[in-house]
Full PDB file with SEQRES, HELIX, SHEET, SSBOND, CRYST1, ORIGX, SCALE, CONECT and MASTER records, all heavy atoms in Angstrom:
SEQRES   1 A   37  ASP PHE VAL LEU ASP THR TYR PRO GLY THR MET ARG PRO          
SEQRES   2 A   37  ALA GLY PHE SER SER GLN VAL GLN ILE THR ASP HIS GLU          
SEQRES   3 A   37  THR GLY LYS THR PHE PRO ALA LYS ILE TRP MET                  
SHEET    1 AA1 3 PHE A   2  THR A   6  0                                        
SHEET    2 AA1 3 PRO A  13  THR A  23 -1                                        
SHEET    3 AA1 3 THR A  30  TRP A  36 -1                                        
CRYST1    1.000    1.000    1.000  90.00  90.00  90.00 P 1           1          
ORIGX1      1.000000  0.000000  0.000000        0.00000                         
ORIGX2      0.000000  1.000000  0.000000        0.00000                         
ORIGX3      0.000000  0.000000  1.000000        0.00000                         
SCALE1      1.000000  0.000000  0.000000        0.00000                         
SCALE2      0.000000  1.000000  0.000000        0.00000                         
SCALE3      0.000000  0.000000  1.000000        0.00000                         
ATOM      1  N   ASP A   1       2.163  -2.181  -5.676  1.00  0.00           N  
ATOM      2  CA  ASP A   1       2.259  -3.483  -4.914  1.00  0.00           C  
ATOM      3  C   ASP A   1       1.257  -3.461  -3.746  1.00  0.00           C  
ATOM      4  O   ASP A   1       1.126  -2.528  -3.045  1.00  0.00           O  
ATOM      5  CB  ASP A   1       3.657  -3.619  -4.415  1.00  0.00           C  
ATOM      6  CG  ASP A   1       3.911  -5.006  -3.842  1.00  0.00           C  
ATOM      7  OD1 ASP A   1       3.219  -5.934  -4.228  1.00  0.00           O  
ATOM      8  OD2 ASP A   1       4.742  -5.056  -2.791  1.00  0.00           O  
ATOM      9  N   PHE A   2       0.629  -4.642  -3.579  1.00  0.00           N  
ATOM     10  CA  PHE A   2      -0.246  -4.851  -2.412  1.00  0.00           C  
ATOM     11  C   PHE A   2       0.459  -5.906  -1.571  1.00  0.00           C  
ATOM     12  O   PHE A   2       0.663  -6.960  -2.058  1.00  0.00           O  
ATOM     13  CB  PHE A   2      -1.652  -5.274  -2.725  1.00  0.00           C  
ATOM     14  CG  PHE A   2      -2.499  -5.639  -1.691  1.00  0.00           C  
ATOM     15  CD1 PHE A   2      -3.147  -4.517  -0.936  1.00  0.00           C  
ATOM     16  CD2 PHE A   2      -2.787  -6.889  -1.224  1.00  0.00           C  
ATOM     17  CE1 PHE A   2      -4.101  -4.720   0.121  1.00  0.00           C  
ATOM     18  CE2 PHE A   2      -3.647  -7.134  -0.095  1.00  0.00           C  
ATOM     19  CZ  PHE A   2      -4.152  -6.056   0.409  1.00  0.00           C  
ATOM     20  N   VAL A   3       0.478  -5.548  -0.245  1.00  0.00           N  
ATOM     21  CA  VAL A   3       1.181  -6.595   0.604  1.00  0.00           C  
ATOM     22  C   VAL A   3       0.160  -6.992   1.689  1.00  0.00           C  
ATOM     23  O   VAL A   3      -0.492  -6.089   2.505  1.00  0.00           O  
ATOM     24  CB  VAL A   3       2.339  -5.855   1.354  1.00  0.00           C  
ATOM     25  CG1 VAL A   3       3.054  -6.892   2.273  1.00  0.00           C  
ATOM     26  CG2 VAL A   3       3.356  -5.421   0.240  1.00  0.00           C  
ATOM     27  N   LEU A   4      -0.047  -8.303   1.781  1.00  0.00           N  
ATOM     28  CA  LEU A   4      -0.955  -8.866   2.900  1.00  0.00           C  
ATOM     29  C   LEU A   4      -0.102  -9.470   3.873  1.00  0.00           C  
ATOM     30  O   LEU A   4       0.713 -10.398   3.691  1.00  0.00           O  
ATOM     31  CB  LEU A   4      -1.876  -9.867   2.215  1.00  0.00           C  
ATOM     32  CG  LEU A   4      -2.684 -10.664   3.252  1.00  0.00           C  
ATOM     33  CD1 LEU A   4      -3.758  -9.688   4.025  1.00  0.00           C  
ATOM     34  CD2 LEU A   4      -3.526 -11.719   2.564  1.00  0.00           C  
ATOM     35  N   ASP A   5      -0.116  -9.033   5.158  1.00  0.00           N  
ATOM     36  CA  ASP A   5       0.800  -9.536   6.230  1.00  0.00           C  
ATOM     37  C   ASP A   5      -0.199 -10.510   7.013  1.00  0.00           C  
ATOM     38  O   ASP A   5      -1.398 -10.067   7.291  1.00  0.00           O  
ATOM     39  CB  ASP A   5       1.260  -8.393   7.070  1.00  0.00           C  
ATOM     40  CG  ASP A   5       2.226  -8.854   8.125  1.00  0.00           C  
ATOM     41  OD1 ASP A   5       2.787 -10.039   7.956  1.00  0.00           O  
ATOM     42  OD2 ASP A   5       2.422  -8.223   9.114  1.00  0.00           O  
ATOM     43  N   THR A   6       0.282 -11.587   7.427  1.00  0.00           N  
ATOM     44  CA  THR A   6      -0.600 -12.636   8.197  1.00  0.00           C  
ATOM     45  C   THR A   6       0.130 -12.873   9.399  1.00  0.00           C  
ATOM     46  O   THR A   6       1.320 -12.740   9.612  1.00  0.00           O  
ATOM     47  CB  THR A   6      -0.753 -13.915   7.348  1.00  0.00           C  
ATOM     48  OG1 THR A   6       0.533 -14.422   7.058  1.00  0.00           O  
ATOM     49  CG2 THR A   6      -1.589 -13.576   6.090  1.00  0.00           C  
ATOM     50  N   TYR A   7      -0.618 -13.407  10.412  1.00  0.00           N  
ATOM     51  CA  TYR A   7      -0.067 -13.953  11.650  1.00  0.00           C  
ATOM     52  C   TYR A   7       0.799 -15.146  11.441  1.00  0.00           C  
ATOM     53  O   TYR A   7       0.361 -15.990  10.556  1.00  0.00           O  
ATOM     54  CB  TYR A   7      -1.146 -14.056  12.673  1.00  0.00           C  
ATOM     55  CG  TYR A   7      -1.659 -12.838  13.302  1.00  0.00           C  
ATOM     56  CD1 TYR A   7      -3.056 -12.271  12.751  1.00  0.00           C  
ATOM     57  CD2 TYR A   7      -1.109 -12.148  14.177  1.00  0.00           C  
ATOM     58  CE1 TYR A   7      -3.570 -11.151  13.284  1.00  0.00           C  
ATOM     59  CE2 TYR A   7      -1.603 -10.919  14.665  1.00  0.00           C  
ATOM     60  CZ  TYR A   7      -2.834 -10.457  14.293  1.00  0.00           C  
ATOM     61  OH  TYR A   7      -3.439  -9.279  14.780  1.00  0.00           O  
ATOM     62  N   PRO A   8       1.824 -15.324  12.196  1.00  0.00           N  
ATOM     63  CA  PRO A   8       2.804 -16.385  11.906  1.00  0.00           C  
ATOM     64  C   PRO A   8       2.035 -17.682  11.877  1.00  0.00           C  
ATOM     65  O   PRO A   8       1.269 -17.984  12.865  1.00  0.00           O  
ATOM     66  CB  PRO A   8       3.711 -16.222  13.074  1.00  0.00           C  
ATOM     67  CG  PRO A   8       3.798 -14.805  13.420  1.00  0.00           C  
ATOM     68  CD  PRO A   8       2.367 -14.426  13.160  1.00  0.00           C  
ATOM     69  N   GLY A   9       2.285 -18.570  10.862  1.00  0.00           N  
ATOM     70  CA  GLY A   9       1.753 -19.777  10.872  1.00  0.00           C  
ATOM     71  C   GLY A   9       0.293 -19.975  10.465  1.00  0.00           C  
ATOM     72  O   GLY A   9      -0.341 -21.089  10.534  1.00  0.00           O  
ATOM     73  N   THR A  10      -0.397 -18.786  10.106  1.00  0.00           N  
ATOM     74  CA  THR A  10      -1.806 -18.791   9.698  1.00  0.00           C  
ATOM     75  C   THR A  10      -1.964 -18.117   8.401  1.00  0.00           C  
ATOM     76  O   THR A  10      -1.055 -17.432   8.021  1.00  0.00           O  
ATOM     77  CB  THR A  10      -2.654 -18.102  10.861  1.00  0.00           C  
ATOM     78  OG1 THR A  10      -2.427 -16.718  10.811  1.00  0.00           O  
ATOM     79  CG2 THR A  10      -2.155 -18.665  12.199  1.00  0.00           C  
ATOM     80  N   MET A  11      -3.199 -18.021   7.982  1.00  0.00           N  
ATOM     81  CA  MET A  11      -3.625 -17.233   6.798  1.00  0.00           C  
ATOM     82  C   MET A  11      -4.473 -16.097   7.292  1.00  0.00           C  
ATOM     83  O   MET A  11      -5.061 -15.342   6.456  1.00  0.00           O  
ATOM     84  CB  MET A  11      -4.380 -18.050   5.808  1.00  0.00           C  
ATOM     85  CG  MET A  11      -3.562 -19.163   5.180  1.00  0.00           C  
ATOM     86  SD  MET A  11      -2.144 -18.440   4.249  1.00  0.00           S  
ATOM     87  CE  MET A  11      -2.893 -17.505   2.900  1.00  0.00           C  
ATOM     88  N   ARG A  12      -4.444 -15.771   8.671  1.00  0.00           N  
ATOM     89  CA  ARG A  12      -5.221 -14.769   9.110  1.00  0.00           C  
ATOM     90  C   ARG A  12      -4.591 -13.362   8.920  1.00  0.00           C  
ATOM     91  O   ARG A  12      -3.542 -13.251   9.347  1.00  0.00           O  
ATOM     92  CB  ARG A  12      -5.539 -15.000  10.620  1.00  0.00           C  
ATOM     93  CG  ARG A  12      -6.523 -14.136  11.283  1.00  0.00           C  
ATOM     94  CD  ARG A  12      -6.682 -14.506  12.723  1.00  0.00           C  
ATOM     95  NE  ARG A  12      -7.134 -15.889  12.824  1.00  0.00           N  
ATOM     96  CZ  ARG A  12      -7.371 -16.418  14.030  1.00  0.00           C  
ATOM     97  NH1 ARG A  12      -7.169 -15.838  15.088  1.00  0.00           N  
ATOM     98  NH2 ARG A  12      -7.717 -17.718  14.185  1.00  0.00           N  
ATOM     99  N   PRO A  13      -5.261 -12.467   8.248  1.00  0.00           N  
ATOM    100  CA  PRO A  13      -4.692 -11.181   8.155  1.00  0.00           C  
ATOM    101  C   PRO A  13      -4.277 -10.448   9.369  1.00  0.00           C  
ATOM    102  O   PRO A  13      -5.088 -10.331  10.322  1.00  0.00           O  
ATOM    103  CB  PRO A  13      -5.744 -10.308   7.341  1.00  0.00           C  
ATOM    104  CG  PRO A  13      -6.684 -11.387   6.834  1.00  0.00           C  
ATOM    105  CD  PRO A  13      -6.689 -12.549   7.756  1.00  0.00           C  
ATOM    106  N   ALA A  14      -2.891 -10.035   9.420  1.00  0.00           N  
ATOM    107  CA  ALA A  14      -2.566  -9.091  10.620  1.00  0.00           C  
ATOM    108  C   ALA A  14      -2.477  -7.700  10.087  1.00  0.00           C  
ATOM    109  O   ALA A  14      -2.555  -6.816  10.958  1.00  0.00           O  
ATOM    110  CB  ALA A  14      -1.178  -9.617  11.011  1.00  0.00           C  
ATOM    111  N   GLY A  15      -2.489  -7.433   8.787  1.00  0.00           N  
ATOM    112  CA  GLY A  15      -2.581  -6.137   8.364  1.00  0.00           C  
ATOM    113  C   GLY A  15      -2.331  -6.184   6.823  1.00  0.00           C  
ATOM    114  O   GLY A  15      -1.917  -7.160   6.339  1.00  0.00           O  
ATOM    115  N   PHE A  16      -2.753  -5.042   6.083  1.00  0.00           N  
ATOM    116  CA  PHE A  16      -2.412  -4.986   4.714  1.00  0.00           C  
ATOM    117  C   PHE A  16      -2.133  -3.579   4.315  1.00  0.00           C  
ATOM    118  O   PHE A  16      -2.633  -2.653   4.920  1.00  0.00           O  
ATOM    119  CB  PHE A  16      -3.687  -5.625   3.931  1.00  0.00           C  
ATOM    120  CG  PHE A  16      -5.019  -5.438   4.353  1.00  0.00           C  
ATOM    121  CD1 PHE A  16      -5.686  -4.259   4.219  1.00  0.00           C  
ATOM    122  CD2 PHE A  16      -5.526  -6.298   5.360  1.00  0.00           C  
ATOM    123  CE1 PHE A  16      -7.044  -3.976   4.677  1.00  0.00           C  
ATOM    124  CE2 PHE A  16      -6.886  -6.054   5.893  1.00  0.00           C  
ATOM    125  CZ  PHE A  16      -7.506  -5.027   5.603  1.00  0.00           C  
ATOM    126  N   SER A  17      -1.328  -3.497   3.217  1.00  0.00           N  
ATOM    127  CA  SER A  17      -0.930  -2.138   2.812  1.00  0.00           C  
ATOM    128  C   SER A  17      -0.819  -2.067   1.247  1.00  0.00           C  
ATOM    129  O   SER A  17      -0.719  -3.032   0.600  1.00  0.00           O  
ATOM    130  CB  SER A  17       0.407  -1.704   3.456  1.00  0.00           C  
ATOM    131  OG  SER A  17       1.428  -2.724   3.060  1.00  0.00           O  
ATOM    132  N   SER A  18      -0.868  -0.737   0.819  1.00  0.00           N  
ATOM    133  CA  SER A  18      -0.841  -0.632  -0.679  1.00  0.00           C  
ATOM    134  C   SER A  18       0.270   0.391  -0.863  1.00  0.00           C  
ATOM    135  O   SER A  18       0.471   1.522  -0.279  1.00  0.00           O  
ATOM    136  CB  SER A  18      -2.160  -0.011  -1.149  1.00  0.00           C  
ATOM    137  OG  SER A  18      -3.169  -0.939  -0.836  1.00  0.00           O  
ATOM    138  N   GLN A  19       1.213   0.012  -1.742  1.00  0.00           N  
ATOM    139  CA  GLN A  19       2.321   0.944  -2.277  1.00  0.00           C  
ATOM    140  C   GLN A  19       1.762   1.420  -3.536  1.00  0.00           C  
ATOM    141  O   GLN A  19       1.565   0.789  -4.596  1.00  0.00           O  
ATOM    142  CB  GLN A  19       3.659   0.174  -2.492  1.00  0.00           C  
ATOM    143  CG  GLN A  19       4.894   1.127  -2.642  1.00  0.00           C  
ATOM    144  CD  GLN A  19       5.197   1.868  -1.351  1.00  0.00           C  
ATOM    145  OE1 GLN A  19       5.279   1.182  -0.380  1.00  0.00           O  
ATOM    146  NE2 GLN A  19       5.501   3.092  -1.571  1.00  0.00           N  
ATOM    147  N   VAL A  20       1.659   2.728  -3.539  1.00  0.00           N  
ATOM    148  CA  VAL A  20       0.941   3.447  -4.681  1.00  0.00           C  
ATOM    149  C   VAL A  20       1.827   4.614  -5.120  1.00  0.00           C  
ATOM    150  O   VAL A  20       2.832   5.058  -4.569  1.00  0.00           O  
ATOM    151  CB  VAL A  20      -0.420   4.009  -4.340  1.00  0.00           C  
ATOM    152  CG1 VAL A  20      -1.334   2.961  -3.779  1.00  0.00           C  
ATOM    153  CG2 VAL A  20      -0.323   5.036  -3.210  1.00  0.00           C  
ATOM    154  N   GLN A  21       1.485   5.112  -6.428  1.00  0.00           N  
ATOM    155  CA  GLN A  21       2.012   6.345  -6.981  1.00  0.00           C  
ATOM    156  C   GLN A  21       0.804   7.315  -7.289  1.00  0.00           C  
ATOM    157  O   GLN A  21      -0.149   6.927  -7.733  1.00  0.00           O  
ATOM    158  CB  GLN A  21       2.767   6.015  -8.305  1.00  0.00           C  
ATOM    159  CG  GLN A  21       4.023   5.314  -8.175  1.00  0.00           C  
ATOM    160  CD  GLN A  21       4.875   5.150  -9.460  1.00  0.00           C  
ATOM    161  OE1 GLN A  21       5.093   6.136 -10.150  1.00  0.00           O  
ATOM    162  NE2 GLN A  21       5.200   3.977  -9.805  1.00  0.00           N  
ATOM    163  N   ILE A  22       0.992   8.436  -6.734  1.00  0.00           N  
ATOM    164  CA  ILE A  22       0.185   9.500  -6.930  1.00  0.00           C  
ATOM    165  C   ILE A  22       0.603  10.495  -7.951  1.00  0.00           C  
ATOM    166  O   ILE A  22       1.730  11.097  -7.827  1.00  0.00           O  
ATOM    167  CB  ILE A  22      -0.149  10.246  -5.529  1.00  0.00           C  
ATOM    168  CG1 ILE A  22      -0.469   9.401  -4.530  1.00  0.00           C  
ATOM    169  CG2 ILE A  22      -1.271  11.335  -5.757  1.00  0.00           C  
ATOM    170  CD1 ILE A  22      -1.730   8.590  -4.688  1.00  0.00           C  
ATOM    171  N   THR A  23      -0.250  10.683  -9.063  1.00  0.00           N  
ATOM    172  CA  THR A  23       0.203  11.668 -10.162  1.00  0.00           C  
ATOM    173  C   THR A  23      -0.807  12.798  -9.967  1.00  0.00           C  
ATOM    174  O   THR A  23      -2.064  12.701 -10.325  1.00  0.00           O  
ATOM    175  CB  THR A  23       0.074  11.062 -11.466  1.00  0.00           C  
ATOM    176  OG1 THR A  23       1.057  10.007 -11.392  1.00  0.00           O  
ATOM    177  CG2 THR A  23       0.503  12.104 -12.548  1.00  0.00           C  
ATOM    178  N   ASP A  24      -0.310  13.977  -9.747  1.00  0.00           N  
ATOM    179  CA  ASP A  24      -1.283  15.232  -9.575  1.00  0.00           C  
ATOM    180  C   ASP A  24      -1.540  15.693 -11.038  1.00  0.00           C  
ATOM    181  O   ASP A  24      -0.723  15.966 -11.766  1.00  0.00           O  
ATOM    182  CB  ASP A  24      -0.542  16.299  -8.822  1.00  0.00           C  
ATOM    183  CG  ASP A  24      -1.424  17.448  -8.360  1.00  0.00           C  
ATOM    184  OD1 ASP A  24      -1.701  18.243  -9.226  1.00  0.00           O  
ATOM    185  OD2 ASP A  24      -1.911  17.443  -7.217  1.00  0.00           O  
ATOM    186  N   HIS A  25      -2.751  15.859 -11.273  1.00  0.00           N  
ATOM    187  CA  HIS A  25      -3.358  16.399 -12.585  1.00  0.00           C  
ATOM    188  C   HIS A  25      -2.870  17.826 -12.942  1.00  0.00           C  
ATOM    189  O   HIS A  25      -2.529  18.201 -14.041  1.00  0.00           O  
ATOM    190  CB  HIS A  25      -4.853  16.297 -12.674  1.00  0.00           C  
ATOM    191  CG  HIS A  25      -5.256  14.818 -12.694  1.00  0.00           C  
ATOM    192  ND1 HIS A  25      -6.589  14.439 -12.621  1.00  0.00           N  
ATOM    193  CD2 HIS A  25      -4.553  13.704 -12.704  1.00  0.00           C  
ATOM    194  CE1 HIS A  25      -6.779  13.090 -12.678  1.00  0.00           C  
ATOM    195  NE2 HIS A  25      -5.478  12.638 -12.708  1.00  0.00           N  
ATOM    196  N   GLU A  26      -2.888  18.647 -11.904  1.00  0.00           N  
ATOM    197  CA  GLU A  26      -2.570  20.037 -12.043  1.00  0.00           C  
ATOM    198  C   GLU A  26      -1.021  20.270 -12.282  1.00  0.00           C  
ATOM    199  O   GLU A  26      -0.608  21.014 -13.159  1.00  0.00           O  
ATOM    200  CB  GLU A  26      -2.953  20.900 -10.893  1.00  0.00           C  
ATOM    201  CG  GLU A  26      -2.682  22.461 -10.977  1.00  0.00           C  
ATOM    202  CD  GLU A  26      -3.228  23.245  -9.868  1.00  0.00           C  
ATOM    203  OE1 GLU A  26      -4.225  22.730  -8.987  1.00  0.00           O  
ATOM    204  OE2 GLU A  26      -2.678  24.321  -9.641  1.00  0.00           O  
ATOM    205  N   THR A  27      -0.158  19.713 -11.461  1.00  0.00           N  
ATOM    206  CA  THR A  27       1.274  19.876 -11.665  1.00  0.00           C  
ATOM    207  C   THR A  27       1.985  18.883 -12.434  1.00  0.00           C  
ATOM    208  O   THR A  27       3.062  19.061 -12.948  1.00  0.00           O  
ATOM    209  CB  THR A  27       1.922  19.858 -10.292  1.00  0.00           C  
ATOM    210  OG1 THR A  27       1.695  18.590  -9.618  1.00  0.00           O  
ATOM    211  CG2 THR A  27       1.229  20.796  -9.296  1.00  0.00           C  
ATOM    212  N   GLY A  28       1.271  17.612 -12.637  1.00  0.00           N  
ATOM    213  CA  GLY A  28       1.906  16.561 -13.373  1.00  0.00           C  
ATOM    214  C   GLY A  28       2.912  15.804 -12.680  1.00  0.00           C  
ATOM    215  O   GLY A  28       3.618  14.820 -13.208  1.00  0.00           O  
ATOM    216  N   LYS A  29       3.207  16.085 -11.478  1.00  0.00           N  
ATOM    217  CA  LYS A  29       4.221  15.452 -10.609  1.00  0.00           C  
ATOM    218  C   LYS A  29       3.637  14.181 -10.033  1.00  0.00           C  
ATOM    219  O   LYS A  29       2.607  14.181  -9.718  1.00  0.00           O  
ATOM    220  CB  LYS A  29       4.717  16.431  -9.465  1.00  0.00           C  
ATOM    221  CG  LYS A  29       5.416  17.723  -9.939  1.00  0.00           C  
ATOM    222  CD  LYS A  29       5.871  18.524  -8.786  1.00  0.00           C  
ATOM    223  CE  LYS A  29       6.648  19.753  -9.366  1.00  0.00           C  
ATOM    224  NZ  LYS A  29       7.176  20.641  -8.111  1.00  0.00           N  
ATOM    225  N   THR A  30       4.591  13.279  -9.983  1.00  0.00           N  
ATOM    226  CA  THR A  30       4.248  11.986  -9.398  1.00  0.00           C  
ATOM    227  C   THR A  30       5.232  11.611  -8.177  1.00  0.00           C  
ATOM    228  O   THR A  30       6.425  11.865  -8.225  1.00  0.00           O  
ATOM    229  CB  THR A  30       4.551  10.773 -10.417  1.00  0.00           C  
ATOM    230  OG1 THR A  30       3.666  11.079 -11.579  1.00  0.00           O  
ATOM    231  CG2 THR A  30       4.239   9.323  -9.895  1.00  0.00           C  
ATOM    232  N   PHE A  31       4.583  11.058  -7.110  1.00  0.00           N  
ATOM    233  CA  PHE A  31       5.407  10.828  -6.015  1.00  0.00           C  
ATOM    234  C   PHE A  31       4.824   9.375  -5.420  1.00  0.00           C  
ATOM    235  O   PHE A  31       3.632   9.167  -5.485  1.00  0.00           O  
ATOM    236  CB  PHE A  31       5.236  11.896  -4.868  1.00  0.00           C  
ATOM    237  CG  PHE A  31       3.868  12.127  -4.397  1.00  0.00           C  
ATOM    238  CD1 PHE A  31       3.411  11.407  -3.227  1.00  0.00           C  
ATOM    239  CD2 PHE A  31       3.072  13.072  -4.992  1.00  0.00           C  
ATOM    240  CE1 PHE A  31       2.067  11.572  -2.787  1.00  0.00           C  
ATOM    241  CE2 PHE A  31       1.812  13.332  -4.470  1.00  0.00           C  
ATOM    242  CZ  PHE A  31       1.270  12.540  -3.487  1.00  0.00           C  
ATOM    243  N   PRO A  32       5.731   8.649  -4.799  1.00  0.00           N  
ATOM    244  CA  PRO A  32       5.180   7.372  -4.143  1.00  0.00           C  
ATOM    245  C   PRO A  32       4.662   7.553  -2.833  1.00  0.00           C  
ATOM    246  O   PRO A  32       4.894   8.576  -2.126  1.00  0.00           O  
ATOM    247  CB  PRO A  32       6.591   6.449  -4.089  1.00  0.00           C  
ATOM    248  CG  PRO A  32       7.618   7.747  -3.885  1.00  0.00           C  
ATOM    249  CD  PRO A  32       7.142   8.838  -4.669  1.00  0.00           C  
ATOM    250  N   ALA A  33       3.849   6.680  -2.377  1.00  0.00           N  
ATOM    251  CA  ALA A  33       3.227   6.738  -1.108  1.00  0.00           C  
ATOM    252  C   ALA A  33       2.825   5.401  -0.663  1.00  0.00           C  
ATOM    253  O   ALA A  33       2.571   4.462  -1.431  1.00  0.00           O  
ATOM    254  CB  ALA A  33       2.014   7.803  -0.974  1.00  0.00           C  
ATOM    255  N   LYS A  34       2.631   5.203   0.660  1.00  0.00           N  
ATOM    256  CA  LYS A  34       2.183   3.915   1.186  1.00  0.00           C  
ATOM    257  C   LYS A  34       0.899   4.231   2.081  1.00  0.00           C  
ATOM    258  O   LYS A  34       0.874   5.087   2.867  1.00  0.00           O  
ATOM    259  CB  LYS A  34       3.266   3.308   2.095  1.00  0.00           C  
ATOM    260  CG  LYS A  34       2.945   1.990   2.625  1.00  0.00           C  
ATOM    261  CD  LYS A  34       4.080   1.379   3.467  1.00  0.00           C  
ATOM    262  CE  LYS A  34       3.676  -0.009   4.107  1.00  0.00           C  
ATOM    263  NZ  LYS A  34       4.760  -0.617   4.900  1.00  0.00           N  
ATOM    264  N   ILE A  35      -0.078   3.323   1.873  1.00  0.00           N  
ATOM    265  CA  ILE A  35      -1.312   3.487   2.561  1.00  0.00           C  
ATOM    266  C   ILE A  35      -1.534   2.120   3.305  1.00  0.00           C  
ATOM    267  O   ILE A  35      -1.419   1.090   2.718  1.00  0.00           O  
ATOM    268  CB  ILE A  35      -2.487   3.829   1.664  1.00  0.00           C  
ATOM    269  CG1 ILE A  35      -2.185   5.007   0.797  1.00  0.00           C  
ATOM    270  CG2 ILE A  35      -3.745   3.925   2.379  1.00  0.00           C  
ATOM    271  CD1 ILE A  35      -3.147   5.182  -0.294  1.00  0.00           C  
ATOM    272  N   TRP A  36      -1.834   2.156   4.649  1.00  0.00           N  
ATOM    273  CA  TRP A  36      -2.160   0.967   5.276  1.00  0.00           C  
ATOM    274  C   TRP A  36      -3.206   1.282   6.377  1.00  0.00           C  
ATOM    275  O   TRP A  36      -3.487   2.414   6.719  1.00  0.00           O  
ATOM    276  CB  TRP A  36      -0.935   0.270   5.840  1.00  0.00           C  
ATOM    277  CG  TRP A  36      -0.230   0.956   6.975  1.00  0.00           C  
ATOM    278  CD1 TRP A  36      -0.239   0.672   8.305  1.00  0.00           C  
ATOM    279  CD2 TRP A  36       0.798   1.970   6.832  1.00  0.00           C  
ATOM    280  NE1 TRP A  36       0.725   1.514   8.995  1.00  0.00           N  
ATOM    281  CE2 TRP A  36       1.249   2.328   8.166  1.00  0.00           C  
ATOM    282  CE3 TRP A  36       1.277   2.732   5.770  1.00  0.00           C  
ATOM    283  CZ2 TRP A  36       2.241   3.330   8.271  1.00  0.00           C  
ATOM    284  CZ3 TRP A  36       2.308   3.658   6.031  1.00  0.00           C  
ATOM    285  CH2 TRP A  36       2.743   4.036   7.271  1.00  0.00           C  
ATOM    286  N   MET A  37      -3.840   0.213   7.023  1.00  0.00           N  
ATOM    287  CA  MET A  37      -4.878   0.286   7.897  1.00  0.00           C  
ATOM    288  C   MET A  37      -4.441   1.320   9.071  1.00  0.00           C  
ATOM    289  O   MET A  37      -3.435   1.266   9.696  1.00  0.00           O  
ATOM    290  CB  MET A  37      -5.151  -0.958   8.529  1.00  0.00           C  
ATOM    291  CG  MET A  37      -6.415  -0.948   9.415  1.00  0.00           C  
ATOM    292  SD  MET A  37      -8.028  -0.414   8.700  1.00  0.00           S  
ATOM    293  CE  MET A  37      -8.320  -1.839   7.563  1.00  0.00           C  
TER     294      MET A  37                                                      
MASTER        0    0    0    0    3    0    0    6  293    1    0    3          
END                                                                             
């Protein structure tokens, strides 16, 4: 999921974040993570 946060009443970006899943090739394990500015 990608989330774009805007300032109230505008379309101006206040911030944006990415909800991702990381799958490690060596262990095969998957875990969720969030990345933002």
